[in-house]
Amino acid sequence: MKKIFAVAVAGALALPTVAFASIFGCDGCTPQQMYDVAWSELYSPGVQPGYIVNLANGTVAKYANIANIPDPYDPEPPPYEPNIIAVPVEPEIATLIYDLSVLTNGNTRVVDAPAAQQALVSKSSAQTTSGERLPVNAYENVMDPNLEARVAEMVRMHAQDIEARIAFFAAQNYRFTHFNENGVPVQVTFRFRDGSTSIYFFDLNVNRWRRLKDASRDARDNPIPEQKEQLYNNTFFDFGVDTGPAADIDWFRWLAESFGVPVIDMRGGLGGGGIVCVDGACYIQNR
């Protein structure tokens, strides 16, 4: 099903030909589907022109209903027939929609942690430009709010172009209510040096970057639980062999024990394995 949204464009955008128009979103639509949306939305007589937006690729089409408005005083008016035609899109609107597309597809942006000044061992990690230590991986990022905030600052430094576009919309008094963590967020993925990731989104309510909850994954692509209950969802956390990011299994143990859940090693001295959590405990098992 195509995602449809509607917002209003007011005169603050300095439109050259209309004082008011509507934008109807049709993500992933074909040209015919965009026209179908225009037909259904602009069918009534006297309705203002409308823009049909495809945020998936940043394109926009403008349509107008040029049918004659029936005379309300005519006792026998001719049958009303809508006449929906495509009309030129103003350059500033085309630019606006392109920028919006860049924002809503921002989850493709990846920010890599800078190289550390020393080897990545134990709790040593990369640093911010001010010398503050960044989290060693996504586990530590999830567990430490102070380190989480430092990553947010690093994201801000590397995503200033995104913030500039957001400021552009704000300057036009143009707000899109679907910018939120439950809708179409402005997202950036922060990749730690071990390959684990956390996703940050720009919160328009507070004008800052925040970590998206329940969206961090470790270097082996395991979801990182953020609540005790998330341990018990029939998930097998696979940590492979001890030659890769083997410390992840220790980080998982630290996280589980911080929830008050004991972790019992049942591998019999063998390396590698995975973790299953049931009945109030987590068990490290051979693969």
C-alpha atoms as a PDB file:
ATOM      1  CA  MET A   1       0.000   0.000   0.000  1.00  0.00           C
ATOM      2  CA  LYS A   2       1.318   3.418  -0.907  1.00  0.00           C
ATOM      3  CA  LYS A   3       2.038   5.788   1.949  1.00  0.00           C
ATOM      4  CA  ILE A   4      -0.180   8.857   1.609  1.00  0.00           C
ATOM      5  CA  PHE A   5       0.178  12.036   3.640  1.00  0.00           C
ATOM      6  CA  ALA A   6      -1.188  15.522   3.225  1.00  0.00           C
ATOM      7  CA  VAL A   7       0.141  18.867   4.433  1.00  0.00           C
ATOM      8  CA  ALA A   8      -0.528  22.481   3.530  1.00  0.00           C
ATOM      9  CA  VAL A   9       1.780  24.936   1.767  1.00  0.00           C
ATOM     10  CA  ALA A  10       1.061  28.498   2.840  1.00  0.00           C
ATOM     11  CA  GLY A  11       2.111  31.845   1.407  1.00  0.00           C
ATOM     12  CA  ALA A  12       5.293  31.871   3.516  1.00  0.00           C
ATOM     13  CA  LEU A  13       6.874  29.802   0.726  1.00  0.00           C
ATOM     14  CA  ALA A  14       6.501  32.809  -1.599  1.00  0.00           C
ATOM     15  CA  LEU A  15       4.751  30.810  -4.285  1.00  0.00           C
ATOM     16  CA  PRO A  16       4.639  32.840  -7.488  1.00  0.00           C
ATOM     17  CA  THR A  17       1.188  31.802  -8.693  1.00  0.00           C
ATOM     18  CA  VAL A  18      -0.907  30.470  -5.806  1.00  0.00           C
ATOM     19  CA  ALA A  19      -1.541  31.648  -2.261  1.00  0.00           C
ATOM     20  CA  PHE A  20      -2.417  28.205  -0.957  1.00  0.00           C
ATOM     21  CA  ALA A  21      -2.023  24.658  -2.181  1.00  0.00           C
ATOM     22  CA  SER A  22      -1.921  21.151  -0.783  1.00  0.00           C
ATOM     23  CA  ILE A  23       0.780  18.506  -0.879  1.00  0.00           C
ATOM     24  CA  PHE A  24      -0.279  14.883  -1.131  1.00  0.00           C
ATOM     25  CA  GLY A  25       2.410  12.263  -0.591  1.00  0.00           C
ATOM     26  CA  CYS A  26       2.495   9.152  -2.737  1.00  0.00           C
ATOM     27  CA  ASP A  27       5.756   7.372  -1.898  1.00  0.00           C
ATOM     28  CA  GLY A  28       6.914   4.881  -4.498  1.00  0.00           C
ATOM     29  CA  CYS A  29       4.032   5.716  -6.852  1.00  0.00           C
ATOM     30  CA  THR A  30       4.149   5.500 -10.620  1.00  0.00           C
ATOM     31  CA  PRO A  31       3.203   8.610 -12.650  1.00  0.00           C
ATOM     32  CA  GLN A  32      -0.234   7.098 -13.254  1.00  0.00           C
ATOM     33  CA  GLN A  33      -0.730   6.486  -9.534  1.00  0.00           C
ATOM     34  CA  MET A  34       0.296  10.069  -8.801  1.00  0.00           C
ATOM     35  CA  TYR A  35      -2.279  11.265 -11.327  1.00  0.00           C
ATOM     36  CA  ASP A  36      -4.903   9.026  -9.715  1.00  0.00           C
ATOM     37  CA  VAL A  37      -4.193  10.681  -6.354  1.00  0.00           C
ATOM     38  CA  ALA A  38      -4.560  14.112  -7.974  1.00  0.00           C
ATOM     39  CA  TRP A  39      -7.868  13.076  -9.539  1.00  0.00           C
ATOM     40  CA  SER A  40      -9.307  11.866  -6.235  1.00  0.00           C
ATOM     41  CA  GLU A  41      -8.061  14.875  -4.238  1.00  0.00           C
ATOM     42  CA  LEU A  42      -8.841  17.637  -6.763  1.00  0.00           C
ATOM     43  CA  TYR A  43     -12.131  16.301  -8.069  1.00  0.00           C
ATOM     44  CA  SER A  44     -14.370  18.905  -6.416  1.00  0.00           C
ATOM     45  CA  PRO A  45     -15.027  22.196  -8.239  1.00  0.00           C
ATOM     46  CA  GLY A  46     -13.030  25.217  -7.129  1.00  0.00           C
ATOM     47  CA  VAL A  47     -10.381  23.248  -5.241  1.00  0.00           C
ATOM     48  CA  GLN A  48      -6.877  24.764  -5.164  1.00  0.00           C
ATOM     49  CA  PRO A  49      -4.016  23.171  -7.156  1.00  0.00           C
ATOM     50  CA  GLY A  50      -2.180  20.301  -5.523  1.00  0.00           C
ATOM     51  CA  TYR A  51       1.314  18.833  -5.469  1.00  0.00           C
ATOM     52  CA  ILE A  52       1.749  15.054  -5.564  1.00  0.00           C
ATOM     53  CA  VAL A  53       5.056  14.122  -3.949  1.00  0.00           C
ATOM     54  CA  ASN A  54       7.100  10.946  -4.277  1.00  0.00           C
ATOM     55  CA  LEU A  55       9.573  11.135  -1.392  1.00  0.00           C
ATOM     56  CA  ALA A  56      11.210   7.890  -2.443  1.00  0.00           C
ATOM     57  CA  ASN A  57      12.980   9.696  -5.282  1.00  0.00           C
ATOM     58  CA  GLY A  58      12.365  13.370  -4.528  1.00  0.00           C
ATOM     59  CA  THR A  59      10.041  14.061  -7.452  1.00  0.00           C
ATOM     60  CA  VAL A  60       6.935  16.236  -7.451  1.00  0.00           C
ATOM     61  CA  ALA A  61       4.136  16.881  -9.925  1.00  0.00           C
ATOM     62  CA  LYS A  62       1.587  19.680  -9.781  1.00  0.00           C
ATOM     63  CA  TYR A  63      -1.992  19.343 -10.925  1.00  0.00           C
ATOM     64  CA  ALA A  64      -4.909  21.749 -11.220  1.00  0.00           C
ATOM     65  CA  ASN A  65      -8.609  21.308 -11.813  1.00  0.00           C
ATOM     66  CA  ILE A  66      -9.462  23.796 -14.567  1.00  0.00           C
ATOM     67  CA  ALA A  67     -13.088  22.780 -14.941  1.00  0.00           C
ATOM     68  CA  ASN A  68     -15.638  25.577 -14.876  1.00  0.00           C
ATOM     69  CA  ILE A  69     -17.193  26.098 -11.472  1.00  0.00           C
ATOM     70  CA  PRO A  70     -20.953  25.499 -11.655  1.00  0.00           C
ATOM     71  CA  ASP A  71     -23.092  28.592 -11.212  1.00  0.00           C
ATOM     72  CA  PRO A  72     -25.034  28.106  -7.975  1.00  0.00           C
ATOM     73  CA  TYR A  73     -27.783  30.415  -9.327  1.00  0.00           C
ATOM     74  CA  ASP A  74     -28.281  28.482 -12.556  1.00  0.00           C
ATOM     75  CA  PRO A  75     -31.505  26.485 -12.174  1.00  0.00           C
ATOM     76  CA  GLU A  76     -30.316  23.994 -14.781  1.00  0.00           C
ATOM     77  CA  PRO A  77     -26.507  23.906 -14.614  1.00  0.00           C
ATOM     78  CA  PRO A  78     -24.670  21.720 -17.118  1.00  0.00           C
ATOM     79  CA  PRO A  79     -23.235  18.457 -15.757  1.00  0.00           C
ATOM     80  CA  TYR A  80     -20.019  19.018 -13.837  1.00  0.00           C
ATOM     81  CA  GLU A  81     -16.969  17.324 -15.332  1.00  0.00           C
ATOM     82  CA  PRO A  82     -13.590  17.720 -13.586  1.00  0.00           C
ATOM     83  CA  ASN A  83     -10.636  18.542 -15.813  1.00  0.00           C
ATOM     84  CA  ILE A  84      -7.399  17.612 -14.017  1.00  0.00           C
ATOM     85  CA  ILE A  85      -4.251  18.687 -15.864  1.00  0.00           C
ATOM     86  CA  ALA A  86      -0.530  18.801 -15.049  1.00  0.00           C
ATOM     87  CA  VAL A  87       0.928  22.289 -14.626  1.00  0.00           C
ATOM     88  CA  PRO A  88       4.544  23.439 -14.145  1.00  0.00           C
ATOM     89  CA  VAL A  89       6.106  23.024 -10.696  1.00  0.00           C
ATOM     90  CA  GLU A  90       7.725  26.157  -9.257  1.00  0.00           C
ATOM     91  CA  PRO A  91      11.534  25.739  -8.899  1.00  0.00           C
ATOM     92  CA  GLU A  92      11.468  26.526  -5.188  1.00  0.00           C
ATOM     93  CA  ILE A  93       8.894  23.787  -4.603  1.00  0.00           C
ATOM     94  CA  ALA A  94      10.963  21.284  -6.604  1.00  0.00           C
ATOM     95  CA  THR A  95      14.003  22.180  -4.491  1.00  0.00           C
ATOM     96  CA  LEU A  96      11.981  21.943  -1.299  1.00  0.00           C
ATOM     97  CA  ILE A  97      10.738  18.449  -2.130  1.00  0.00           C
ATOM     98  CA  TYR A  98      14.212  17.286  -3.146  1.00  0.00           C
ATOM     99  CA  ASP A  99      15.608  18.469   0.189  1.00  0.00           C
ATOM    100  CA  LEU A 100      12.762  16.769   1.996  1.00  0.00           C
ATOM    101  CA  SER A 101      13.537  13.554   0.155  1.00  0.00           C
ATOM    102  CA  VAL A 102      17.168  13.781   1.263  1.00  0.00           C
ATOM    103  CA  LEU A 103      16.017  14.186   4.847  1.00  0.00           C
ATOM    104  CA  THR A 104      13.557  11.336   4.923  1.00  0.00           C
ATOM    105  CA  ASN A 105      16.021   8.995   3.256  1.00  0.00           C
ATOM    106  CA  GLY A 106      18.751  10.009   5.695  1.00  0.00           C
ATOM    107  CA  ASN A 107      18.908   6.532   7.180  1.00  0.00           C
ATOM    108  CA  THR A 108      21.322   5.708   4.364  1.00  0.00           C
ATOM    109  CA  ARG A 109      23.861   8.093   5.908  1.00  0.00           C
ATOM    110  CA  VAL A 110      26.553   6.301   7.905  1.00  0.00           C
ATOM    111  CA  VAL A 111      28.955   8.075  10.261  1.00  0.00           C
ATOM    112  CA  ASP A 112      32.028   6.040  11.204  1.00  0.00           C
ATOM    113  CA  ALA A 113      33.749   6.400  14.546  1.00  0.00           C
ATOM    114  CA  PRO A 114      37.138   8.123  14.108  1.00  0.00           C
ATOM    115  CA  ALA A 115      40.283   6.086  14.599  1.00  0.00           C
ATOM    116  CA  ALA A 116      41.341   5.736  18.210  1.00  0.00           C
ATOM    117  CA  GLN A 117      44.702   7.002  19.378  1.00  0.00           C
ATOM    118  CA  GLN A 118      45.437   3.550  20.733  1.00  0.00           C
ATOM    119  CA  ALA A 119      44.416  -0.004  19.927  1.00  0.00           C
ATOM    120  CA  LEU A 120      40.809  -0.976  20.510  1.00  0.00           C
ATOM    121  CA  VAL A 121      41.089  -3.053  23.667  1.00  0.00           C
ATOM    122  CA  SER A 122      38.901  -3.300  26.750  1.00  0.00           C
ATOM    123  CA  LYS A 123      37.354   0.138  27.360  1.00  0.00           C
ATOM    124  CA  SER A 124      39.705   2.188  25.164  1.00  0.00           C
ATOM    125  CA  SER A 125      37.974   3.733  22.166  1.00  0.00           C
ATOM    126  CA  ALA A 126      37.819   6.591  19.734  1.00  0.00           C
ATOM    127  CA  GLN A 127      37.611  10.147  20.984  1.00  0.00           C
ATOM    128  CA  THR A 128      35.663  13.270  20.149  1.00  0.00           C
ATOM    129  CA  THR A 129      37.486  16.306  18.828  1.00  0.00           C
ATOM    130  CA  SER A 130      37.573  17.676  22.382  1.00  0.00           C
ATOM    131  CA  GLY A 131      39.338  14.552  23.606  1.00  0.00           C
ATOM    132  CA  GLU A 132      36.342  12.916  25.265  1.00  0.00           C
ATOM    133  CA  ARG A 133      36.180   9.151  24.861  1.00  0.00           C
ATOM    134  CA  LEU A 134      33.482   7.666  22.666  1.00  0.00           C
ATOM    135  CA  PRO A 135      31.869   4.295  23.425  1.00  0.00           C
ATOM    136  CA  VAL A 136      33.907   1.285  22.420  1.00  0.00           C
ATOM    137  CA  ASN A 137      30.836  -0.278  20.805  1.00  0.00           C
ATOM    138  CA  ALA A 138      27.053  -0.163  20.667  1.00  0.00           C
ATOM    139  CA  TYR A 139      26.739  -2.116  23.931  1.00  0.00           C
ATOM    140  CA  GLU A 140      28.502   0.603  25.870  1.00  0.00           C
ATOM    141  CA  ASN A 141      26.589   3.252  23.955  1.00  0.00           C
ATOM    142  CA  VAL A 142      23.278   1.720  25.059  1.00  0.00           C
ATOM    143  CA  MET A 143      24.397   1.331  28.661  1.00  0.00           C
ATOM    144  CA  ASP A 144      25.942   4.765  29.301  1.00  0.00           C
ATOM    145  CA  PRO A 145      23.794   7.894  28.702  1.00  0.00           C
ATOM    146  CA  ASN A 146      26.837  10.184  28.911  1.00  0.00           C
ATOM    147  CA  LEU A 147      28.663   8.295  26.173  1.00  0.00           C
ATOM    148  CA  GLU A 148      25.436   8.123  24.181  1.00  0.00           C
ATOM    149  CA  ALA A 149      25.284  11.930  24.258  1.00  0.00           C
ATOM    150  CA  ARG A 150      28.868  12.157  22.988  1.00  0.00           C
ATOM    151  CA  VAL A 151      27.949  10.037  19.986  1.00  0.00           C
ATOM    152  CA  ALA A 152      24.998  12.356  19.367  1.00  0.00           C
ATOM    153  CA  GLU A 153      27.439  15.269  19.251  1.00  0.00           C
ATOM    154  CA  MET A 154      29.651  13.364  16.808  1.00  0.00           C
ATOM    155  CA  VAL A 155      26.618  12.702  14.606  1.00  0.00           C
ATOM    156  CA  ARG A 156      25.728  16.396  14.737  1.00  0.00           C
ATOM    157  CA  MET A 157      29.211  17.336  13.535  1.00  0.00           C
ATOM    158  CA  HIS A 158      28.951  14.973  10.562  1.00  0.00           C
ATOM    159  CA  ALA A 159      25.354  15.791   9.645  1.00  0.00           C
ATOM    160  CA  GLN A 160      25.387  19.576   9.587  1.00  0.00           C
ATOM    161  CA  ASP A 161      24.057  19.564   6.023  1.00  0.00           C
ATOM    162  CA  ILE A 162      20.972  17.725   7.259  1.00  0.00           C
ATOM    163  CA  GLU A 163      20.482  20.262  10.031  1.00  0.00           C
ATOM    164  CA  ALA A 164      20.856  23.037   7.457  1.00  0.00           C
ATOM    165  CA  ARG A 165      17.944  21.602   5.482  1.00  0.00           C
ATOM    166  CA  ILE A 166      15.877  21.314   8.655  1.00  0.00           C
ATOM    167  CA  ALA A 167      16.652  24.974   9.395  1.00  0.00           C
ATOM    168  CA  PHE A 168      15.536  25.825   5.865  1.00  0.00           C
ATOM    169  CA  PHE A 169      12.124  24.283   6.459  1.00  0.00           C
ATOM    170  CA  ALA A 170      11.829  25.984   9.847  1.00  0.00           C
ATOM    171  CA  ALA A 171      12.658  29.342   8.266  1.00  0.00           C
ATOM    172  CA  GLN A 172       9.786  28.806   5.840  1.00  0.00           C
ATOM    173  CA  ASN A 173       7.427  28.018   8.722  1.00  0.00           C
ATOM    174  CA  TYR A 174       7.032  24.651   7.039  1.00  0.00           C
ATOM    175  CA  ARG A 175       6.662  21.718   9.395  1.00  0.00           C
ATOM    176  CA  PHE A 176       6.125  18.107   8.436  1.00  0.00           C
ATOM    177  CA  THR A 177       4.475  16.201  11.250  1.00  0.00           C
ATOM    178  CA  HIS A 178       5.691  12.852   9.943  1.00  0.00           C
ATOM    179  CA  PHE A 179       9.249  13.671  11.117  1.00  0.00           C
ATOM    180  CA  ASN A 180       9.251  11.497  14.242  1.00  0.00           C
ATOM    181  CA  GLU A 181      10.699   8.227  15.427  1.00  0.00           C
ATOM    182  CA  ASN A 182       7.446   6.377  14.732  1.00  0.00           C
ATOM    183  CA  GLY A 183       6.941   7.787  11.246  1.00  0.00           C
ATOM    184  CA  VAL A 184       9.587   8.761   8.718  1.00  0.00           C
ATOM    185  CA  PRO A 185      12.537   9.843  10.822  1.00  0.00           C
ATOM    186  CA  VAL A 186      15.597  11.793   9.804  1.00  0.00           C
ATOM    187  CA  GLN A 187      18.122   9.093  10.660  1.00  0.00           C
ATOM    188  CA  VAL A 188      21.875   8.607  10.714  1.00  0.00           C
ATOM    189  CA  THR A 189      23.604   5.315  11.486  1.00  0.00           C
ATOM    190  CA  PHE A 190      26.694   5.588  13.699  1.00  0.00           C
ATOM    191  CA  ARG A 191      29.087   2.694  13.098  1.00  0.00           C
ATOM    192  CA  PHE A 192      31.575   1.907  15.854  1.00  0.00           C
ATOM    193  CA  ARG A 193      35.060   0.640  15.149  1.00  0.00           C
ATOM    194  CA  ASP A 194      34.089  -2.977  15.830  1.00  0.00           C
ATOM    195  CA  GLY A 195      31.254  -2.782  13.288  1.00  0.00           C
ATOM    196  CA  SER A 196      28.394  -2.478  15.773  1.00  0.00           C
ATOM    197  CA  THR A 197      25.846   0.261  15.097  1.00  0.00           C
ATOM    198  CA  SER A 198      23.387   2.632  16.729  1.00  0.00           C
ATOM    199  CA  ILE A 199      20.832   4.760  14.893  1.00  0.00           C
ATOM    200  CA  TYR A 200      20.308   8.417  15.765  1.00  0.00           C
ATOM    201  CA  PHE A 201      17.359  10.539  14.647  1.00  0.00           C
ATOM    202  CA  PHE A 202      16.825  14.283  14.661  1.00  0.00           C
ATOM    203  CA  ASP A 203      14.110  15.174  17.171  1.00  0.00           C
ATOM    204  CA  LEU A 204      12.371  18.320  15.941  1.00  0.00           C
ATOM    205  CA  ASN A 205      10.692  18.765  19.318  1.00  0.00           C
ATOM    206  CA  VAL A 206      14.017  19.501  21.018  1.00  0.00           C
ATOM    207  CA  ASN A 207      16.167  20.251  17.927  1.00  0.00           C
ATOM    208  CA  ARG A 208      18.851  17.709  18.683  1.00  0.00           C
ATOM    209  CA  TRP A 209      19.999  14.228  17.735  1.00  0.00           C
ATOM    210  CA  ARG A 210      18.784  11.356  19.900  1.00  0.00           C
ATOM    211  CA  ARG A 211      19.488   7.643  19.822  1.00  0.00           C
ATOM    212  CA  LEU A 212      16.649   5.566  18.398  1.00  0.00           C
ATOM    213  CA  LYS A 213      15.679   3.078  21.089  1.00  0.00           C
ATOM    214  CA  ASP A 214      15.797  -0.660  20.393  1.00  0.00           C
ATOM    215  CA  ALA A 215      17.680  -0.147  17.119  1.00  0.00           C
ATOM    216  CA  SER A 216      21.299  -0.900  18.105  1.00  0.00           C
ATOM    217  CA  ARG A 217      23.042  -4.038  16.864  1.00  0.00           C
ATOM    218  CA  ASP A 218      26.362  -5.579  17.806  1.00  0.00           C
ATOM    219  CA  ALA A 219      29.204  -6.517  15.458  1.00  0.00           C
ATOM    220  CA  ARG A 220      27.550  -9.878  14.728  1.00  0.00           C
ATOM    221  CA  ASP A 221      24.233  -8.179  13.931  1.00  0.00           C
ATOM    222  CA  ASN A 222      22.559  -9.343  17.127  1.00  0.00           C
ATOM    223  CA  PRO A 223      19.900  -6.952  18.449  1.00  0.00           C
ATOM    224  CA  ILE A 224      21.072  -5.344  21.688  1.00  0.00           C
ATOM    225  CA  PRO A 225      18.396  -5.639  24.396  1.00  0.00           C
ATOM    226  CA  GLU A 226      17.670  -2.423  26.271  1.00  0.00           C
ATOM    227  CA  GLN A 227      15.197  -3.839  28.763  1.00  0.00           C
ATOM    228  CA  LYS A 228      15.246  -7.012  30.823  1.00  0.00           C
ATOM    229  CA  GLU A 229      12.106  -8.301  29.125  1.00  0.00           C
ATOM    230  CA  GLN A 230      13.812  -8.143  25.728  1.00  0.00           C
ATOM    231  CA  LEU A 231      16.167 -10.932  26.778  1.00  0.00           C
ATOM    232  CA  TYR A 232      13.291 -13.398  26.795  1.00  0.00           C
ATOM    233  CA  ASN A 233      11.949 -13.188  23.262  1.00  0.00           C
ATOM    234  CA  ASN A 234      13.090 -16.610  22.016  1.00  0.00           C
ATOM    235  CA  THR A 235      16.131 -15.016  20.399  1.00  0.00           C
ATOM    236  CA  PHE A 236      19.373 -16.966  19.979  1.00  0.00           C
ATOM    237  CA  PHE A 237      22.164 -14.421  20.266  1.00  0.00           C
ATOM    238  CA  ASP A 238      24.865 -15.866  18.003  1.00  0.00           C
ATOM    239  CA  PHE A 239      28.452 -14.910  18.834  1.00  0.00           C
ATOM    240  CA  GLY A 240      30.265 -17.284  16.486  1.00  0.00           C
ATOM    241  CA  VAL A 241      33.839 -18.236  17.313  1.00  0.00           C
ATOM    242  CA  ASP A 242      36.291 -16.444  19.545  1.00  0.00           C
ATOM    243  CA  THR A 243      38.402 -15.108  16.678  1.00  0.00           C
ATOM    244  CA  GLY A 244      36.059 -12.277  15.713  1.00  0.00           C
ATOM    245  CA  PRO A 245      34.590  -9.645  18.034  1.00  0.00           C
ATOM    246  CA  ALA A 246      34.628 -12.298  20.758  1.00  0.00           C
ATOM    247  CA  ALA A 247      34.412  -9.657  23.452  1.00  0.00           C
ATOM    248  CA  ASP A 248      30.788  -9.178  22.419  1.00  0.00           C
ATOM    249  CA  ILE A 249      29.846 -12.212  24.457  1.00  0.00           C
ATOM    250  CA  ASP A 250      31.426 -10.548  27.501  1.00  0.00           C
ATOM    251  CA  TRP A 251      29.629  -7.304  26.732  1.00  0.00           C
ATOM    252  CA  PHE A 252      26.341  -9.213  26.532  1.00  0.00           C
ATOM    253  CA  ARG A 253      27.117 -10.843  29.865  1.00  0.00           C
ATOM    254  CA  TRP A 254      27.770  -7.408  31.380  1.00  0.00           C
ATOM    255  CA  LEU A 255      24.504  -6.082  29.959  1.00  0.00           C
ATOM    256  CA  ALA A 256      22.434  -9.044  31.180  1.00  0.00           C
ATOM    257  CA  GLU A 257      23.964  -8.929  34.648  1.00  0.00           C
ATOM    258  CA  SER A 258      23.211  -5.202  34.830  1.00  0.00           C
ATOM    259  CA  PHE A 259      19.559  -6.258  34.506  1.00  0.00           C
ATOM    260  CA  GLY A 260      20.037  -8.639  37.417  1.00  0.00           C
ATOM    261  CA  VAL A 261      20.009 -11.698  35.143  1.00  0.00           C
ATOM    262  CA  PRO A 262      22.771 -14.283  35.765  1.00  0.00           C
ATOM    263  CA  VAL A 263      24.708 -15.639  32.788  1.00  0.00           C
ATOM    264  CA  ILE A 264      25.753 -19.304  33.011  1.00  0.00           C
ATOM    265  CA  ASP A 265      28.468 -20.692  30.738  1.00  0.00           C
ATOM    266  CA  MET A 266      27.537 -24.219  29.623  1.00  0.00           C
ATOM    267  CA  ARG A 267      30.160 -24.647  26.890  1.00  0.00           C
ATOM    268  CA  GLY A 268      32.450 -26.892  28.885  1.00  0.00           C
ATOM    269  CA  GLY A 269      35.548 -24.864  28.084  1.00  0.00           C
ATOM    270  CA  LEU A 270      34.880 -24.664  24.349  1.00  0.00           C
ATOM    271  CA  GLY A 271      35.008 -21.290  22.629  1.00  0.00           C
ATOM    272  CA  GLY A 272      32.384 -19.480  20.623  1.00  0.00           C
ATOM    273  CA  GLY A 273      28.706 -20.145  20.958  1.00  0.00           C
ATOM    274  CA  GLY A 274      25.513 -18.270  21.530  1.00  0.00           C
ATOM    275  CA  ILE A 275      23.237 -17.177  24.333  1.00  0.00           C
ATOM    276  CA  VAL A 276      19.646 -18.094  25.117  1.00  0.00           C
ATOM    277  CA  CYS A 277      17.779 -16.492  28.021  1.00  0.00           C
ATOM    278  CA  VAL A 278      14.955 -18.415  29.709  1.00  0.00           C
ATOM    279  CA  ASP A 279      13.459 -18.730  33.179  1.00  0.00           C
ATOM    280  CA  GLY A 280      15.342 -15.833  34.739  1.00  0.00           C
ATOM    281  CA  ALA A 281      18.824 -16.718  33.473  1.00  0.00           C
ATOM    282  CA  CYS A 282      20.932 -16.602  30.313  1.00  0.00           C
ATOM    283  CA  TYR A 283      22.887 -19.640  29.132  1.00  0.00           C
ATOM    284  CA  ILE A 284      25.991 -19.611  26.932  1.00  0.00           C
ATOM    285  CA  GLN A 285      25.793 -22.677  24.709  1.00  0.00           C
ATOM    286  CA  ASN A 286      27.911 -24.242  21.993  1.00  0.00           C
ATOM    287  CA  ARG A 287      26.715 -23.493  18.480  1.00  0.00           C
END
